[in-house]
């Protein structure tokens, strides 16, 4: 059984993501892992030395980090400085952004990312014919690949346009009700909401390899690297 150490930001979204792992023993049992250590850090934290020292001491196999871009950058840099070498480091916000890879260079290699979208998907679109048309046009204009923020922004516009047209009104309540009943195919995926207002979506696992991001699960465009090489063994 693998051992993992979740590290999460003391902020509502990060806590919600984190609790899906720590408090769900059924998921842990089904997936064959055990939480060996979990740590919480303050928003905008810059020093992760104490957390990384604990992780290194117990020799955990997998480290999950739920935070934002700057924190993910600092965590990765300090993991290298302290030679913390788990078999896998996975993060939420940060590694999917071009600035993360640009700032870290080769030190960004092999980082895993859990995301709601990737450029390797190809959903039927609304406003665009499909995901790949959007990716091609976006890259031609901005000279870098879109990430899930960009794709979800397009989906947001699509949902509002569709809702206003179906409601045939700009009345807030009518538009709200139309959004709640949306069943719309977009370049981000199918947009449909549960009774409590949560979007019914899927997640994908990505990994940085050769300076690029590849979807490795499900339906991976490339085989993942696992376990990842320690810092000193990377080219």
Protein backbone atom coordinates (compact mmCIF):
# COMPACT_ATOMS: atom_id res chain seq x y z
CA UNK A 1 0.00 0.00 0.00
CA UNK A 2 1.35 3.42 -0.97
CA UNK A 3 1.74 6.25 1.51
CA UNK A 4 0.90 9.82 0.60
CA UNK A 5 1.22 13.20 2.29
CA UNK A 6 -1.36 15.84 1.33
CA UNK A 7 -0.32 19.47 1.86
CA UNK A 8 -3.02 22.09 1.50
CA UNK A 9 -3.61 25.83 1.66
CA UNK A 10 -5.77 27.14 4.52
CA UNK A 11 -8.38 28.44 2.09
CA UNK A 12 -11.86 27.14 1.36
CA UNK A 13 -11.33 25.60 -2.08
CA UNK A 14 -8.08 23.90 -1.09
CA UNK A 15 -9.66 22.57 2.10
CA UNK A 16 -12.62 21.11 0.19
CA UNK A 17 -10.28 19.37 -2.27
CA UNK A 18 -8.14 18.08 0.56
CA UNK A 19 -11.02 16.72 2.63
CA UNK A 20 -12.14 14.56 -0.28
CA UNK A 21 -8.95 12.57 0.35
CA UNK A 22 -8.31 12.73 4.08
CA UNK A 23 -11.86 12.13 5.29
CA UNK A 24 -12.80 9.51 2.73
CA UNK A 25 -11.43 6.24 4.06
CA UNK A 26 -13.43 4.29 1.49
CA UNK A 27 -11.56 6.02 -1.35
CA UNK A 28 -8.25 5.36 0.39
CA UNK A 29 -9.05 1.66 0.75
CA UNK A 30 -10.34 1.27 -2.81
CA UNK A 31 -7.32 3.05 -4.31
CA UNK A 32 -4.83 1.26 -2.08
CA UNK A 33 -3.15 4.12 -0.27
CA UNK A 34 -2.83 5.45 3.26
CA UNK A 35 -2.48 9.07 4.34
CA UNK A 36 0.81 9.19 6.25
CA UNK A 37 0.87 12.92 6.98
CA UNK A 38 -1.26 15.96 6.24
CA UNK A 39 -0.26 19.56 6.74
CA UNK A 40 -2.00 22.91 6.39
CA UNK A 41 -0.23 26.16 5.49
CA UNK A 42 -1.27 29.82 5.51
CA UNK A 43 -2.40 31.62 2.36
CA UNK A 44 0.51 33.14 0.43
CA UNK A 45 3.04 31.05 2.37
CA UNK A 46 6.61 31.21 1.06
CA UNK A 47 8.49 28.92 3.44
CA UNK A 48 7.75 25.20 3.22
CA UNK A 49 10.94 23.95 4.86
CA UNK A 50 9.29 22.58 8.01
CA UNK A 51 6.63 20.71 6.03
CA UNK A 52 9.16 19.32 3.57
CA UNK A 53 11.42 18.22 6.42
CA UNK A 54 8.54 16.19 7.88
CA UNK A 55 7.78 14.67 4.48
CA UNK A 56 11.42 13.69 4.01
CA UNK A 57 11.63 12.17 7.49
CA UNK A 58 8.79 9.72 6.87
CA UNK A 59 9.92 8.96 3.30
CA UNK A 60 6.41 9.23 1.89
CA UNK A 61 5.86 7.97 -1.66
CA UNK A 62 3.38 10.53 -2.98
CA UNK A 63 2.95 14.21 -2.12
CA UNK A 64 -0.27 16.04 -3.02
CA UNK A 65 -0.23 19.84 -2.86
CA UNK A 66 -3.46 21.85 -2.97
CA UNK A 67 -2.68 25.54 -3.34
CA UNK A 68 -2.07 28.34 -5.83
CA UNK A 69 0.65 29.12 -8.34
CA UNK A 70 3.16 31.05 -6.21
CA UNK A 71 2.91 28.47 -3.44
CA UNK A 72 3.38 25.62 -5.90
CA UNK A 73 6.48 27.34 -7.27
CA UNK A 74 8.02 27.83 -3.83
CA UNK A 75 7.16 24.29 -2.75
CA UNK A 76 8.85 22.79 -5.81
CA UNK A 77 11.97 24.93 -5.50
CA UNK A 78 12.37 24.11 -1.82
CA UNK A 79 11.71 20.40 -2.39
CA UNK A 80 14.74 20.41 -4.69
CA UNK A 81 16.86 22.45 -2.26
CA UNK A 82 16.10 19.99 0.55
CA UNK A 83 16.40 16.98 -1.77
CA UNK A 84 12.90 15.72 -1.00
CA UNK A 85 12.39 12.95 -3.54
CA UNK A 86 9.00 11.21 -3.38
CA UNK A 87 7.94 8.96 -6.22
CA UNK A 88 5.36 11.55 -7.25
CA UNK A 89 4.48 15.20 -6.56
CA UNK A 90 1.01 16.23 -7.71
CA UNK A 91 -0.45 19.73 -7.50
CA UNK A 92 -3.69 21.55 -8.23
CA UNK A 93 -3.29 25.17 -9.37
CA UNK A 94 0.05 26.25 -10.82
CA UNK A 95 1.81 23.65 -12.95
CA UNK A 96 -0.73 23.87 -15.77
CA UNK A 97 0.16 27.55 -16.26
CA UNK A 98 2.93 28.49 -18.69
CA UNK A 99 4.59 30.80 -16.13
CA UNK A 100 5.16 27.85 -13.78
CA UNK A 101 7.14 25.93 -16.37
CA UNK A 102 8.96 29.06 -17.56
CA UNK A 103 10.02 30.00 -14.02
CA UNK A 104 11.20 26.54 -12.98
CA UNK A 105 12.62 25.27 -16.25
CA UNK A 106 13.75 21.65 -15.95
CA UNK A 107 12.79 21.62 -12.25
CA UNK A 108 9.15 21.61 -13.35
CA UNK A 109 9.70 18.26 -15.06
CA UNK A 110 7.58 15.29 -13.95
CA UNK A 111 5.22 17.33 -11.75
CA UNK A 112 1.72 15.87 -11.91
CA UNK A 113 -1.39 18.04 -12.11
CA UNK A 114 -5.02 17.29 -11.36
CA UNK A 115 -7.13 19.49 -13.63
CA UNK A 116 -10.64 19.76 -14.97
CA UNK A 117 -9.54 20.08 -18.61
CA UNK A 118 -6.63 19.60 -20.98
CA UNK A 119 -5.71 20.57 -24.52
CA UNK A 120 -5.77 16.89 -25.51
CA UNK A 121 -9.52 16.68 -25.01
CA UNK A 122 -11.86 17.13 -27.95
CA UNK A 123 -15.40 17.95 -26.93
CA UNK A 124 -18.09 19.08 -29.30
CA UNK A 125 -18.25 22.84 -28.98
CA UNK A 126 -20.63 25.75 -28.69
CA UNK A 127 -19.23 29.05 -30.02
CA UNK A 128 -16.42 26.86 -31.39
CA UNK A 129 -16.85 23.68 -33.41
CA UNK A 130 -14.85 21.64 -30.92
CA UNK A 131 -12.05 21.81 -28.36
CA UNK A 132 -9.26 21.46 -30.89
CA UNK A 133 -10.50 24.41 -32.95
CA UNK A 134 -10.40 26.56 -29.80
CA UNK A 135 -6.89 25.33 -28.89
CA UNK A 136 -5.58 26.07 -32.40
CA UNK A 137 -7.07 29.58 -32.55
CA UNK A 138 -5.97 30.43 -29.01
CA UNK A 139 -2.38 29.34 -29.63
CA UNK A 140 -2.25 31.23 -32.94
CA UNK A 141 -3.29 34.45 -31.19
CA UNK A 142 -1.35 34.21 -27.91
CA UNK A 143 1.55 31.89 -28.85
CA UNK A 144 1.01 29.52 -25.92
CA UNK A 145 -1.42 26.75 -25.10
CA UNK A 146 -4.60 27.53 -23.18
CA UNK A 147 -5.15 26.00 -19.76
CA UNK A 148 -8.35 25.12 -17.94
CA UNK A 149 -8.90 28.74 -16.85
CA UNK A 150 -9.14 29.82 -20.48
CA UNK A 151 -11.37 26.91 -21.47
CA UNK A 152 -13.72 27.37 -18.53
CA UNK A 153 -13.98 31.08 -19.39
CA UNK A 154 -15.23 30.15 -22.85
CA UNK A 155 -17.70 27.72 -21.26
CA UNK A 156 -18.93 30.49 -18.92
CA UNK A 157 -19.69 32.76 -21.87
CA UNK A 158 -21.39 29.91 -23.71
CA UNK A 159 -23.61 29.09 -20.72
CA UNK A 160 -24.69 32.72 -20.29
CA UNK A 161 -25.41 33.12 -24.01
CA UNK A 162 -27.41 29.91 -24.11
CA UNK A 163 -29.34 30.77 -20.93
CA UNK A 164 -30.24 34.30 -22.07
CA UNK A 165 -31.44 32.99 -25.42
CA UNK A 166 -33.55 30.24 -23.84
CA UNK A 167 -34.97 32.60 -21.22
CA UNK A 168 -35.58 35.21 -23.91
CA UNK A 169 -34.95 37.73 -21.15
CA UNK A 170 -32.29 39.55 -19.14
CA UNK A 171 -34.29 39.17 -15.94
CA UNK A 172 -31.80 37.79 -13.36
CA UNK A 173 -34.16 35.15 -11.95
CA UNK A 174 -35.18 33.88 -15.39
CA UNK A 175 -31.56 33.73 -16.53
CA UNK A 176 -30.57 32.00 -13.29
CA UNK A 177 -33.27 29.35 -13.79
CA UNK A 178 -32.16 28.81 -17.38
CA UNK A 179 -28.56 28.34 -16.24
CA UNK A 180 -29.68 25.83 -13.59
CA UNK A 181 -31.38 23.73 -16.27
CA UNK A 182 -28.49 23.96 -18.75
CA UNK A 183 -27.48 20.87 -20.68
CA UNK A 184 -24.89 22.30 -23.01
CA UNK A 185 -21.94 20.82 -24.89
CA UNK A 186 -18.95 23.19 -24.81
CA UNK A 187 -15.22 23.00 -25.56
CA UNK A 188 -14.77 22.54 -21.78
CA UNK A 189 -17.08 19.53 -21.74
CA UNK A 190 -20.76 19.09 -21.10
CA UNK A 191 -22.15 21.71 -18.72
CA UNK A 192 -24.91 20.40 -16.51
CA UNK A 193 -25.62 21.23 -12.87
CA UNK A 194 -26.70 19.11 -9.93
CA UNK A 195 -29.52 20.22 -7.63
CA UNK A 196 -27.05 21.91 -5.28
CA UNK A 197 -25.53 23.93 -8.12
CA UNK A 198 -22.36 21.90 -8.63
CA UNK A 199 -21.20 21.31 -12.17
CA UNK A 200 -21.15 17.69 -13.25
CA UNK A 201 -17.65 17.37 -14.62
CA UNK A 202 -14.67 15.09 -14.82
CA UNK A 203 -11.02 15.49 -13.90
CA UNK A 204 -7.87 14.50 -15.73
CA UNK A 205 -4.31 13.80 -14.61
CA UNK A 206 -1.56 15.66 -16.45
CA UNK A 207 2.21 15.51 -16.23
CA UNK A 208 4.96 17.88 -17.35
CA UNK A 209 7.44 16.12 -19.63
CA UNK A 210 9.94 17.80 -21.92
CA UNK A 211 8.59 21.19 -20.95
CA UNK A 212 5.12 20.32 -22.23
CA UNK A 213 1.95 19.15 -20.51
CA UNK A 214 0.52 15.76 -21.42
CA UNK A 215 -2.69 14.11 -20.35
CA UNK A 216 -1.69 10.78 -18.80
CA UNK A 217 -5.05 9.65 -17.40
CA UNK A 218 -7.65 8.84 -18.56
CA UNK A 219 -7.00 8.17 -22.24
CA UNK A 220 -3.46 9.48 -21.94
CA UNK A 221 -1.67 10.91 -24.94
CA UNK A 222 1.62 9.80 -23.35
CA UNK A 223 2.73 7.26 -20.77
CA UNK A 224 3.37 8.80 -17.35
CA UNK A 225 6.79 8.76 -15.73
CA UNK A 226 6.50 6.99 -12.36
CA UNK A 227 8.35 6.85 -10.12
CA UNK A 228 9.95 10.15 -11.05
CA UNK A 229 13.75 10.46 -10.88
CA UNK A 230 15.26 12.30 -7.94
CA UNK A 231 16.49 15.84 -8.57
CA UNK A 232 20.16 14.91 -8.96
CA UNK A 233 19.31 12.25 -11.56
CA UNK A 234 17.38 14.56 -13.88
CA UNK A 235 18.90 15.63 -17.17
